Amino acid sequence: MNEQRQMTLAMLRATRNNILGIYNSYDYDHLNSIPAGLSNNLLWNAGHVMVTLDLLTYGLAGLPLPSDPGLVARYRKGSRPDGQEPESDYGLIGESLLHRVDRLEEDLQSLDFSNFKVYTTSFGVTLHNIDEALTFNNMHEAMHLGTMLALRKLL
């Protein structure tokens, strides 16, 4: 694995550790609470970054997603929480945030991500390959970490 990819994964782990720190500071009810006037919560943001990484990497490379279809539907781009997300998601997301990064790192060594479908994000950034997807994902996760930092002040 080249140094750039190693650094990209290290940044992803650091962001996920920060997200997990917030996540582990609250119980299910607080994570699932949607502050007045807002449209999402801490649980949704954590699930969203997990599912989005799967979609941007495995999905765009035409590989099976690690996340089950129900989880993808609840947390993908365009979804909105209703404050009643399954309690089973709470445990699964908390346990998977870092494990998914480990799995991706292993899969980048053993699976073929070269059949990557070019994709233009809602930010207007066109992704041509797995490394561009990983870099974009880090920006996306940092944005959601910022959202989570702001949301926690409203709980």
N, C-alpha and C. Protein backbone atom coordinates (compact mmCIF):
# COMPACT_ATOMS: atom_id res chain seq x y z
N MET A 1 0.86 -1.18 0.00
CA MET A 1 0.00 0.00 0.00
C MET A 1 0.90 1.24 0.00
N ASN A 2 0.59 2.19 -0.87
CA ASN A 2 1.45 3.37 -0.97
C ASN A 2 1.23 4.33 0.22
N GLU A 3 2.18 5.24 0.39
CA GLU A 3 2.14 6.16 1.54
C GLU A 3 0.91 7.05 1.54
N GLN A 4 0.51 7.50 0.36
CA GLN A 4 -0.67 8.37 0.28
C GLN A 4 -1.92 7.66 0.78
N ARG A 5 -2.10 6.42 0.35
CA ARG A 5 -3.27 5.66 0.80
C ARG A 5 -3.19 5.39 2.30
N GLN A 6 -2.00 5.09 2.80
CA GLN A 6 -1.83 4.87 4.24
C GLN A 6 -2.21 6.12 5.02
N MET A 7 -1.80 7.28 4.53
CA MET A 7 -2.14 8.54 5.20
C MET A 7 -3.64 8.80 5.13
N THR A 8 -4.25 8.52 4.00
CA THR A 8 -5.69 8.71 3.84
C THR A 8 -6.45 7.83 4.84
N LEU A 9 -6.02 6.59 4.99
CA LEU A 9 -6.67 5.69 5.95
C LEU A 9 -6.40 6.12 7.38
N ALA A 10 -5.22 6.64 7.66
CA ALA A 10 -4.92 7.15 9.01
C ALA A 10 -5.82 8.33 9.35
N MET A 11 -6.05 9.20 8.38
CA MET A 11 -6.96 10.34 8.61
C MET A 11 -8.39 9.85 8.83
N LEU A 12 -8.80 8.84 8.07
CA LEU A 12 -10.13 8.27 8.25
C LEU A 12 -10.27 7.70 9.66
N ARG A 13 -9.26 6.96 10.11
CA ARG A 13 -9.30 6.40 11.47
C ARG A 13 -9.39 7.50 12.52
N ALA A 14 -8.63 8.57 12.34
CA ALA A 14 -8.66 9.67 13.31
C ALA A 14 -10.04 10.31 13.36
N THR A 15 -10.64 10.52 12.21
CA THR A 15 -11.99 11.09 12.18
C THR A 15 -12.98 10.15 12.83
N ARG A 16 -12.89 8.86 12.50
CA ARG A 16 -13.80 7.88 13.09
C ARG A 16 -13.61 7.80 14.61
N ASN A 17 -12.39 7.90 15.09
CA ASN A 17 -12.17 7.91 16.54
C ASN A 17 -12.85 9.09 17.19
N ASN A 18 -12.81 10.24 16.55
CA ASN A 18 -13.50 11.42 17.08
C ASN A 18 -15.01 11.24 17.05
N ILE A 19 -15.52 10.68 15.97
CA ILE A 19 -16.96 10.40 15.87
C ILE A 19 -17.35 9.40 16.96
N LEU A 20 -16.55 8.35 17.13
CA LEU A 20 -16.85 7.34 18.14
C LEU A 20 -16.79 7.93 19.55
N GLY A 21 -15.89 8.87 19.78
CA GLY A 21 -15.83 9.53 21.09
C GLY A 21 -17.12 10.25 21.42
N ILE A 22 -17.68 10.93 20.45
CA ILE A 22 -18.98 11.59 20.65
C ILE A 22 -20.06 10.53 20.83
N TYR A 23 -20.07 9.55 19.94
CA TYR A 23 -21.08 8.50 19.95
C TYR A 23 -21.14 7.78 21.30
N ASN A 24 -19.98 7.44 21.82
CA ASN A 24 -19.92 6.70 23.09
C ASN A 24 -20.21 7.56 24.31
N SER A 25 -20.36 8.85 24.12
CA SER A 25 -20.67 9.76 25.23
C SER A 25 -22.16 9.86 25.52
N TYR A 26 -22.98 9.25 24.68
CA TYR A 26 -24.43 9.38 24.82
C TYR A 26 -25.09 8.02 24.75
N ASP A 27 -26.25 7.93 25.39
CA ASP A 27 -27.04 6.71 25.29
C ASP A 27 -27.91 6.76 24.04
N TYR A 28 -28.59 5.66 23.79
CA TYR A 28 -29.43 5.52 22.60
C TYR A 28 -30.43 6.66 22.47
N ASP A 29 -31.12 7.00 23.55
CA ASP A 29 -32.15 8.04 23.48
C ASP A 29 -31.57 9.40 23.09
N HIS A 30 -30.42 9.75 23.64
CA HIS A 30 -29.80 11.03 23.29
C HIS A 30 -29.28 11.02 21.85
N LEU A 31 -28.67 9.91 21.43
CA LEU A 31 -28.17 9.82 20.06
C LEU A 31 -29.31 9.90 19.05
N ASN A 32 -30.47 9.42 19.44
CA ASN A 32 -31.63 9.35 18.55
C ASN A 32 -32.48 10.62 18.60
N SER A 33 -32.17 11.53 19.49
CA SER A 33 -32.95 12.76 19.65
C SER A 33 -32.63 13.76 18.54
N ILE A 34 -33.67 14.30 17.93
CA ILE A 34 -33.51 15.31 16.88
C ILE A 34 -33.82 16.67 17.50
N PRO A 35 -32.80 17.53 17.64
CA PRO A 35 -33.04 18.85 18.24
C PRO A 35 -34.08 19.65 17.44
N ALA A 36 -34.85 20.45 18.14
CA ALA A 36 -35.90 21.27 17.51
C ALA A 36 -35.31 22.10 16.38
N GLY A 37 -36.01 22.09 15.27
CA GLY A 37 -35.61 22.89 14.12
C GLY A 37 -34.58 22.23 13.22
N LEU A 38 -34.10 21.05 13.60
CA LEU A 38 -33.10 20.35 12.79
C LEU A 38 -33.71 19.08 12.19
N SER A 39 -32.99 18.47 11.27
CA SER A 39 -33.56 17.32 10.56
C SER A 39 -32.78 16.03 10.75
N ASN A 40 -31.75 16.04 11.59
CA ASN A 40 -31.06 14.78 11.84
C ASN A 40 -30.50 14.76 13.26
N ASN A 41 -29.85 13.65 13.59
CA ASN A 41 -29.36 13.46 14.95
C ASN A 41 -27.98 12.81 14.92
N LEU A 42 -27.42 12.59 16.10
CA LEU A 42 -26.09 12.00 16.19
C LEU A 42 -26.05 10.58 15.63
N LEU A 43 -27.07 9.79 15.92
CA LEU A 43 -27.12 8.42 15.43
C LEU A 43 -27.13 8.40 13.91
N TRP A 44 -27.96 9.24 13.30
CA TRP A 44 -28.03 9.28 11.84
C TRP A 44 -26.69 9.69 11.25
N ASN A 45 -26.04 10.70 11.79
CA ASN A 45 -24.76 11.15 11.25
C ASN A 45 -23.71 10.04 11.30
N ALA A 46 -23.66 9.30 12.41
CA ALA A 46 -22.69 8.21 12.53
C ALA A 46 -23.02 7.09 11.54
N GLY A 47 -24.29 6.73 11.44
CA GLY A 47 -24.69 5.70 10.47
C GLY A 47 -24.46 6.15 9.04
N HIS A 48 -24.70 7.42 8.79
CA HIS A 48 -24.54 7.97 7.44
C HIS A 48 -23.09 7.90 6.97
N VAL A 49 -22.14 8.25 7.83
CA VAL A 49 -20.74 8.19 7.38
C VAL A 49 -20.31 6.75 7.13
N MET A 50 -20.82 5.83 7.93
CA MET A 50 -20.47 4.43 7.75
C MET A 50 -21.00 3.90 6.41
N VAL A 51 -22.26 4.17 6.14
CA VAL A 51 -22.89 3.69 4.91
C VAL A 51 -22.30 4.40 3.69
N THR A 52 -22.03 5.69 3.81
CA THR A 52 -21.49 6.43 2.67
C THR A 52 -20.12 5.91 2.27
N LEU A 53 -19.27 5.58 3.25
CA LEU A 53 -17.97 4.99 2.92
C LEU A 53 -18.17 3.71 2.11
N ASP A 54 -19.10 2.86 2.53
CA ASP A 54 -19.38 1.62 1.80
C ASP A 54 -19.80 1.92 0.37
N LEU A 55 -20.71 2.88 0.21
CA LEU A 55 -21.23 3.19 -1.13
C LEU A 55 -20.16 3.80 -2.04
N LEU A 56 -19.32 4.68 -1.48
CA LEU A 56 -18.29 5.34 -2.28
C LEU A 56 -17.14 4.41 -2.65
N THR A 57 -16.93 3.38 -1.88
CA THR A 57 -15.80 2.48 -2.13
C THR A 57 -16.28 1.18 -2.76
N TYR A 58 -16.88 0.32 -1.98
CA TYR A 58 -17.35 -0.96 -2.50
C TYR A 58 -18.41 -0.76 -3.59
N GLY A 59 -19.37 0.10 -3.32
CA GLY A 59 -20.47 0.29 -4.26
C GLY A 59 -20.02 0.79 -5.62
N LEU A 60 -19.20 1.84 -5.64
CA LEU A 60 -18.75 2.39 -6.92
C LEU A 60 -17.76 1.47 -7.63
N ALA A 61 -17.16 0.53 -6.89
CA ALA A 61 -16.26 -0.45 -7.50
C ALA A 61 -17.01 -1.70 -7.93
N GLY A 62 -18.33 -1.72 -7.73
CA GLY A 62 -19.12 -2.87 -8.14
C GLY A 62 -18.96 -4.08 -7.24
N LEU A 63 -18.55 -3.85 -6.00
CA LEU A 63 -18.36 -4.94 -5.04
C LEU A 63 -19.53 -4.98 -4.06
N PRO A 64 -19.79 -6.14 -3.45
CA PRO A 64 -20.85 -6.23 -2.45
C PRO A 64 -20.58 -5.28 -1.27
N LEU A 65 -21.64 -4.65 -0.79
CA LEU A 65 -21.52 -3.73 0.34
C LEU A 65 -21.42 -4.49 1.65
N PRO A 66 -20.57 -4.03 2.58
CA PRO A 66 -20.54 -4.64 3.91
C PRO A 66 -21.83 -4.40 4.69
N SER A 67 -22.50 -3.28 4.46
CA SER A 67 -23.73 -2.94 5.18
C SER A 67 -24.93 -3.64 4.56
N ASP A 68 -25.87 -4.06 5.41
CA ASP A 68 -27.06 -4.69 4.87
C ASP A 68 -27.97 -3.63 4.23
N PRO A 69 -28.83 -4.06 3.30
CA PRO A 69 -29.66 -3.10 2.56
C PRO A 69 -30.55 -2.22 3.43
N GLY A 70 -31.05 -2.75 4.54
CA GLY A 70 -31.89 -1.94 5.43
C GLY A 70 -31.11 -0.80 6.06
N LEU A 71 -29.90 -1.08 6.48
CA LEU A 71 -29.04 -0.04 7.06
C LEU A 71 -28.72 1.02 6.01
N VAL A 72 -28.40 0.57 4.81
CA VAL A 72 -28.10 1.51 3.72
C VAL A 72 -29.31 2.41 3.48
N ALA A 73 -30.49 1.84 3.42
CA ALA A 73 -31.70 2.64 3.16
C ALA A 73 -31.94 3.68 4.26
N ARG A 74 -31.67 3.32 5.52
CA ARG A 74 -31.94 4.24 6.63
C ARG A 74 -30.93 5.37 6.74
N TYR A 75 -29.70 5.17 6.22
CA TYR A 75 -28.64 6.15 6.48
C TYR A 75 -27.99 6.73 5.22
N ARG A 76 -28.42 6.33 4.06
CA ARG A 76 -27.80 6.84 2.84
C ARG A 76 -28.16 8.29 2.59
N LYS A 77 -27.46 8.90 1.66
CA LYS A 77 -27.74 10.27 1.24
C LYS A 77 -29.22 10.39 0.87
N GLY A 78 -29.85 11.44 1.35
CA GLY A 78 -31.26 11.67 1.05
C GLY A 78 -32.20 11.10 2.09
N SER A 79 -31.70 10.24 2.98
CA SER A 79 -32.55 9.69 4.04
C SER A 79 -32.64 10.70 5.18
N ARG A 80 -33.64 10.56 6.00
CA ARG A 80 -33.82 11.42 7.17
C ARG A 80 -34.27 10.56 8.34
N PRO A 81 -33.69 10.78 9.50
CA PRO A 81 -34.13 10.02 10.67
C PRO A 81 -35.49 10.52 11.15
N ASP A 82 -36.20 9.62 11.81
CA ASP A 82 -37.47 10.04 12.41
C ASP A 82 -37.39 10.03 13.94
N GLY A 83 -36.19 9.80 14.46
CA GLY A 83 -36.01 9.74 15.91
C GLY A 83 -36.38 8.38 16.48
N GLN A 84 -36.72 7.44 15.62
CA GLN A 84 -37.12 6.11 16.06
C GLN A 84 -36.30 5.02 15.37
N GLU A 85 -35.04 5.32 15.08
CA GLU A 85 -34.20 4.31 14.43
C GLU A 85 -34.08 3.10 15.35
N PRO A 86 -34.00 1.90 14.76
CA PRO A 86 -33.95 0.69 15.58
C PRO A 86 -32.81 0.72 16.59
N GLU A 87 -33.11 0.26 17.79
CA GLU A 87 -32.07 0.22 18.81
C GLU A 87 -30.92 -0.70 18.40
N SER A 88 -31.22 -1.69 17.56
CA SER A 88 -30.15 -2.57 17.08
C SER A 88 -29.12 -1.79 16.25
N ASP A 89 -29.55 -0.71 15.58
CA ASP A 89 -28.60 0.13 14.83
C ASP A 89 -27.60 0.78 15.77
N TYR A 90 -28.06 1.14 16.96
CA TYR A 90 -27.20 1.80 17.95
C TYR A 90 -25.96 0.96 18.24
N GLY A 91 -26.16 -0.30 18.56
CA GLY A 91 -25.04 -1.19 18.85
C GLY A 91 -24.20 -1.49 17.62
N LEU A 92 -24.86 -1.76 16.52
CA LEU A 92 -24.15 -2.11 15.29
C LEU A 92 -23.26 -0.97 14.81
N ILE A 93 -23.78 0.24 14.79
CA ILE A 93 -22.99 1.38 14.32
C ILE A 93 -21.81 1.63 15.26
N GLY A 94 -22.06 1.61 16.56
CA GLY A 94 -20.98 1.83 17.52
C GLY A 94 -19.87 0.81 17.39
N GLU A 95 -20.24 -0.45 17.16
CA GLU A 95 -19.25 -1.52 17.02
C GLU A 95 -18.54 -1.47 15.68
N SER A 96 -19.20 -0.95 14.66
CA SER A 96 -18.68 -1.06 13.29
C SER A 96 -17.88 0.13 12.80
N LEU A 97 -17.99 1.28 13.45
CA LEU A 97 -17.33 2.48 12.93
C LEU A 97 -15.84 2.27 12.66
N LEU A 98 -15.12 1.68 13.60
CA LEU A 98 -13.69 1.44 13.39
C LEU A 98 -13.42 0.12 12.68
N HIS A 99 -14.23 -0.89 12.95
CA HIS A 99 -14.02 -2.19 12.31
C HIS A 99 -14.15 -2.09 10.80
N ARG A 100 -15.04 -1.23 10.34
CA ARG A 100 -15.21 -1.09 8.89
C ARG A 100 -13.97 -0.50 8.23
N VAL A 101 -13.26 0.36 8.94
CA VAL A 101 -12.01 0.91 8.39
C VAL A 101 -10.97 -0.20 8.29
N ASP A 102 -10.88 -1.03 9.33
CA ASP A 102 -9.95 -2.16 9.31
C ASP A 102 -10.28 -3.10 8.15
N ARG A 103 -11.57 -3.39 7.99
CA ARG A 103 -11.99 -4.28 6.90
C ARG A 103 -11.65 -3.67 5.55
N LEU A 104 -11.93 -2.39 5.38
CA LEU A 104 -11.63 -1.74 4.11
C LEU A 104 -10.13 -1.81 3.82
N GLU A 105 -9.32 -1.56 4.83
CA GLU A 105 -7.87 -1.62 4.62
C GLU A 105 -7.45 -3.01 4.14
N GLU A 106 -8.01 -4.05 4.74
CA GLU A 106 -7.71 -5.42 4.30
C GLU A 106 -8.22 -5.66 2.89
N ASP A 107 -9.44 -5.20 2.63
CA ASP A 107 -10.05 -5.43 1.31
C ASP A 107 -9.32 -4.67 0.21
N LEU A 108 -8.76 -3.52 0.53
CA LEU A 108 -7.99 -2.78 -0.48
C LEU A 108 -6.77 -3.57 -0.93
N GLN A 109 -6.30 -4.48 -0.08
CA GLN A 109 -5.15 -5.33 -0.41
C GLN A 109 -5.58 -6.58 -1.19
N SER A 110 -6.82 -7.04 -0.95
CA SER A 110 -7.20 -8.35 -1.49
C SER A 110 -8.29 -8.31 -2.56
N LEU A 111 -9.08 -7.25 -2.62
CA LEU A 111 -10.16 -7.17 -3.62
C LEU A 111 -9.77 -6.22 -4.74
N ASP A 112 -10.46 -6.34 -5.85
CA ASP A 112 -10.19 -5.50 -7.02
C ASP A 112 -11.16 -4.32 -7.05
N PHE A 113 -10.65 -3.14 -6.75
CA PHE A 113 -11.45 -1.91 -6.76
C PHE A 113 -11.27 -1.14 -8.07
N SER A 114 -10.68 -1.77 -9.09
CA SER A 114 -10.36 -1.06 -10.33
C SER A 114 -11.56 -0.88 -11.25
N ASN A 115 -12.63 -1.62 -11.03
CA ASN A 115 -13.83 -1.48 -11.87
C ASN A 115 -14.70 -0.35 -11.31
N PHE A 116 -14.09 0.80 -11.10
CA PHE A 116 -14.71 1.93 -10.42
C PHE A 116 -15.58 2.72 -11.39
N LYS A 117 -16.82 2.95 -11.00
CA LYS A 117 -17.76 3.73 -11.82
C LYS A 117 -17.56 5.21 -11.50
N VAL A 118 -17.24 6.01 -12.50
CA VAL A 118 -17.05 7.45 -12.30
C VAL A 118 -18.34 8.03 -11.73
N TYR A 119 -18.19 8.88 -10.72
CA TYR A 119 -19.34 9.41 -9.99
C TYR A 119 -19.09 10.87 -9.64
N THR A 120 -20.08 11.71 -9.91
CA THR A 120 -19.99 13.12 -9.52
C THR A 120 -20.82 13.32 -8.26
N THR A 121 -20.19 13.79 -7.21
CA THR A 121 -20.85 13.99 -5.92
C THR A 121 -21.74 15.23 -5.95
N SER A 122 -22.56 15.37 -4.93
CA SER A 122 -23.41 16.56 -4.82
C SER A 122 -22.58 17.82 -4.56
N PHE A 123 -21.32 17.65 -4.22
CA PHE A 123 -20.39 18.78 -4.06
C PHE A 123 -19.85 19.24 -5.41
N GLY A 124 -20.12 18.45 -6.46
CA GLY A 124 -19.61 18.76 -7.79
C GLY A 124 -18.23 18.20 -8.04
N VAL A 125 -17.77 17.30 -7.18
CA VAL A 125 -16.46 16.66 -7.33
C VAL A 125 -16.67 15.33 -8.06
N THR A 126 -15.93 15.12 -9.13
CA THR A 126 -16.03 13.87 -9.87
C THR A 126 -14.95 12.91 -9.39
N LEU A 127 -15.39 11.73 -9.00
CA LEU A 127 -14.49 10.68 -8.50
C LEU A 127 -14.25 9.68 -9.62
N HIS A 128 -12.98 9.42 -9.91
CA HIS A 128 -12.61 8.54 -11.00
C HIS A 128 -12.06 7.19 -10.54
N ASN A 129 -11.65 7.10 -9.28
CA ASN A 129 -11.02 5.87 -8.80
C ASN A 129 -11.14 5.78 -7.28
N ILE A 130 -10.70 4.66 -6.75
CA ILE A 130 -10.85 4.40 -5.32
C ILE A 130 -10.10 5.41 -4.47
N ASP A 131 -8.94 5.85 -4.90
CA ASP A 131 -8.18 6.80 -4.08
C ASP A 131 -8.86 8.16 -4.02
N GLU A 132 -9.45 8.59 -5.11
CA GLU A 132 -10.22 9.84 -5.08
C GLU A 132 -11.45 9.68 -4.19
N ALA A 133 -12.07 8.50 -4.22
CA ALA A 133 -13.22 8.25 -3.36
C ALA A 133 -12.82 8.30 -1.88
N LEU A 134 -11.69 7.72 -1.54
CA LEU A 134 -11.22 7.74 -0.16
C LEU A 134 -10.92 9.17 0.30
N THR A 135 -10.28 9.94 -0.55
CA THR A 135 -9.97 11.33 -0.21
C THR A 135 -11.25 12.14 -0.02
N PHE A 136 -12.19 12.00 -0.95
CA PHE A 136 -13.46 12.71 -0.82
C PHE A 136 -14.20 12.28 0.44
N ASN A 137 -14.18 10.97 0.71
CA ASN A 137 -14.86 10.47 1.90
C ASN A 137 -14.33 11.13 3.17
N ASN A 138 -13.02 11.34 3.24
CA ASN A 138 -12.46 11.98 4.43
C ASN A 138 -13.02 13.38 4.63
N MET A 139 -13.16 14.13 3.55
CA MET A 139 -13.76 15.46 3.64
C MET A 139 -15.21 15.35 4.11
N HIS A 140 -15.93 14.40 3.54
CA HIS A 140 -17.33 14.19 3.89
C HIS A 140 -17.48 13.83 5.37
N GLU A 141 -16.63 12.94 5.86
CA GLU A 141 -16.71 12.53 7.26
C GLU A 141 -16.34 13.67 8.20
N ALA A 142 -15.36 14.48 7.81
CA ALA A 142 -14.99 15.63 8.64
C ALA A 142 -16.14 16.62 8.74
N MET A 143 -16.87 16.79 7.64
CA MET A 143 -18.03 17.68 7.65
C MET A 143 -19.09 17.15 8.64
N HIS A 144 -19.34 15.85 8.60
CA HIS A 144 -20.33 15.28 9.52
C HIS A 144 -19.84 15.27 10.96
N LEU A 145 -18.54 15.13 11.17
CA LEU A 145 -17.99 15.28 12.52
C LEU A 145 -18.30 16.68 13.04
N GLY A 146 -18.11 17.69 12.22
CA GLY A 146 -18.44 19.06 12.61
C GLY A 146 -19.91 19.21 12.95
N THR A 147 -20.77 18.58 12.17
CA THR A 147 -22.20 18.60 12.46
C THR A 147 -22.47 17.95 13.81
N MET A 148 -21.82 16.83 14.08
CA MET A 148 -22.02 16.14 15.35
C MET A 148 -21.52 16.97 16.53
N LEU A 149 -20.41 17.66 16.35
CA LEU A 149 -19.91 18.53 17.41
C LEU A 149 -20.92 19.63 17.73
N ALA A 150 -21.56 20.16 16.71
CA ALA A 150 -22.58 21.20 16.93
C ALA A 150 -23.85 20.61 17.53
N LEU A 151 -24.29 19.45 17.03
CA LEU A 151 -25.51 18.81 17.52
C LEU A 151 -25.42 18.48 19.01
N ARG A 152 -24.28 18.02 19.45
CA ARG A 152 -24.17 17.60 20.86
C ARG A 152 -24.40 18.76 21.81
N LYS A 153 -24.14 19.97 21.37
CA LYS A 153 -24.37 21.15 22.22
C LYS A 153 -25.85 21.45 22.38
N LEU A 154 -26.67 20.84 21.53
CA LEU A 154 -28.11 21.09 21.57
C LEU A 154 -28.86 20.01 22.34
N LEU A 155 -28.14 19.01 22.83
CA LEU A 155 -28.80 17.92 23.57
C LEU A 155 -28.94 18.26 25.04
